[in-house]
Amino acid sequence: MRNDRKMDVCFSPRAEDVIRQFMKVAVRTMPHASLVPIITWWIEGTFTDKVTGKVTKYGPSIDVGAIDPNDLADELIVPMGDLKVAIRLPEDLQSADRLKFDFSDGSFVLVDH
């Protein structure tokens, strides 16, 4: 885990709520696991259904997940109240001074950087 980056990271109240609700479900699903929330970026991709041949495009998007702290590598770790949130930053944002996450229309969005 990397904590040496100096970056102002904040979450809107809605984004915080979604992350906390996600973690409640993750803890209920895996009660004996030690998990931390992680924000990840997905680039564009496609999925091909092998049965129908239908191709679906997805991304880019920002998602929240849960990860064992021992599996973290060089993620930015930021406090969010009583939680510590890991963030896998894409290369083009690693030098940003400020990031603000929101949750709007069913998706996480970066509203300030």
Protein backbone atom coordinates (compact mmCIF):
# COMPACT_ATOMS: atom_id res chain seq x y z
CA MET A 1 0.00 0.00 0.00
CA ARG A 2 1.28 3.44 -0.82
CA ASN A 3 0.52 6.27 1.52
CA ASP A 4 3.29 8.60 0.36
CA ARG A 5 1.24 10.37 -2.33
CA LYS A 6 -0.06 13.78 -1.36
CA MET A 7 -3.49 14.02 -2.90
CA ASP A 8 -6.71 15.56 -1.61
CA VAL A 9 -9.37 12.86 -2.08
CA CYS A 10 -12.97 13.26 -1.00
CA PHE A 11 -16.28 11.49 -1.51
CA SER A 12 -19.72 13.04 -1.83
CA PRO A 13 -22.21 11.94 0.83
CA ARG A 14 -23.95 9.75 -1.79
CA ALA A 15 -20.67 8.07 -2.82
CA GLU A 16 -19.80 7.46 0.86
CA ASP A 17 -23.22 5.91 1.43
CA VAL A 18 -22.89 3.56 -1.55
CA ILE A 19 -19.41 2.45 -0.44
CA ARG A 20 -20.62 1.82 3.13
CA GLN A 21 -23.68 -0.12 1.92
CA PHE A 22 -21.48 -2.20 -0.39
CA MET A 23 -19.13 -3.02 2.49
CA LYS A 24 -22.06 -4.09 4.71
CA VAL A 25 -23.07 -6.60 2.02
CA ALA A 26 -19.45 -7.73 1.51
CA VAL A 27 -19.01 -8.37 5.24
CA ARG A 28 -22.29 -10.33 5.41
CA THR A 29 -21.27 -12.36 2.36
CA MET A 30 -17.76 -13.09 3.66
CA PRO A 31 -17.99 -12.64 7.46
CA HIS A 32 -14.57 -14.12 8.26
CA ALA A 33 -12.64 -12.15 5.63
CA SER A 34 -10.70 -8.99 6.35
CA LEU A 35 -11.79 -6.62 3.59
CA VAL A 36 -11.27 -3.01 2.62
CA PRO A 37 -13.19 -1.11 -0.05
CA ILE A 38 -11.31 -0.47 -3.29
CA ILE A 39 -12.10 1.95 -6.11
CA THR A 40 -10.98 0.73 -9.53
CA TRP A 41 -11.13 2.09 -13.06
CA TRP A 42 -12.12 -0.12 -15.98
CA ILE A 43 -11.17 0.77 -19.51
CA GLU A 44 -13.40 0.02 -22.47
CA GLY A 45 -13.86 -3.59 -23.38
CA THR A 46 -16.24 -6.04 -24.98
CA PHE A 47 -17.93 -9.24 -23.92
CA THR A 48 -19.04 -11.84 -26.45
CA ASP A 49 -21.81 -14.24 -25.43
CA LYS A 50 -20.61 -17.65 -26.64
CA VAL A 51 -24.16 -18.94 -27.06
CA THR A 52 -25.76 -16.05 -28.93
CA GLY A 53 -22.67 -14.36 -30.37
CA LYS A 54 -23.98 -11.02 -29.12
CA VAL A 55 -21.16 -8.54 -28.44
CA THR A 56 -21.66 -6.11 -25.58
CA LYS A 57 -19.44 -3.08 -25.10
CA TYR A 58 -18.72 -1.87 -21.58
CA GLY A 59 -16.66 0.77 -19.82
CA PRO A 60 -14.99 2.92 -19.15
CA SER A 61 -16.28 3.04 -15.59
CA ILE A 62 -15.35 3.50 -11.95
CA ASP A 63 -16.43 0.70 -9.63
CA VAL A 64 -16.20 -0.20 -5.96
CA GLY A 65 -15.16 -3.62 -4.76
CA ALA A 66 -13.68 -5.27 -1.69
CA ILE A 67 -10.18 -6.67 -1.33
CA ASP A 68 -8.10 -8.34 1.34
CA PRO A 69 -5.59 -5.74 2.59
CA ASN A 70 -2.78 -8.28 2.05
CA ASP A 71 -3.56 -8.24 -1.69
CA LEU A 72 -3.02 -4.50 -2.06
CA ALA A 73 0.04 -3.35 -3.98
CA ASP A 74 0.58 0.34 -4.74
CA GLU A 75 -2.94 1.64 -4.24
CA LEU A 76 -3.53 5.06 -2.73
CA ILE A 77 -5.08 4.62 0.74
CA VAL A 78 -7.40 7.41 1.91
CA PRO A 79 -9.53 7.74 5.02
CA MET A 80 -13.31 7.93 4.71
CA GLY A 81 -14.48 8.31 8.27
CA ASP A 82 -13.86 4.99 10.04
CA LEU A 83 -13.02 3.22 6.76
CA LYS A 84 -9.81 3.31 4.80
CA VAL A 85 -10.48 3.18 1.05
CA ALA A 86 -7.93 1.86 -1.43
CA ILE A 87 -7.89 3.52 -4.85
CA ARG A 88 -6.24 2.06 -7.95
CA LEU A 89 -5.46 5.20 -9.90
CA PRO A 90 -5.09 5.12 -13.66
CA GLU A 91 -1.74 6.45 -14.80
CA ASP A 92 -3.12 9.76 -16.07
CA LEU A 93 -4.52 10.62 -12.60
CA GLN A 94 -1.54 9.62 -10.48
CA SER A 95 -0.18 13.17 -10.46
CA ALA A 96 -3.51 14.87 -9.71
CA ASP A 97 -3.69 17.13 -6.67
CA ARG A 98 -7.38 16.57 -5.96
CA LEU A 99 -10.01 13.92 -6.67
CA LYS A 100 -13.68 14.03 -5.75
CA PHE A 101 -15.94 11.03 -6.26
CA ASP A 102 -19.72 11.17 -6.55
CA PHE A 103 -22.38 8.57 -7.26
CA SER A 104 -24.92 9.65 -9.85
CA ASP A 105 -27.42 7.75 -12.02
CA GLY A 106 -26.21 4.39 -10.72
CA SER A 107 -22.51 4.99 -11.37
CA PHE A 108 -19.46 6.39 -9.65
CA VAL A 109 -18.14 9.50 -11.34
CA LEU A 110 -15.10 11.69 -10.88
CA VAL A 111 -16.45 15.21 -10.47
CA ASP A 112 -13.30 17.17 -9.72
CA HIS A 113 -9.61 16.64 -10.41
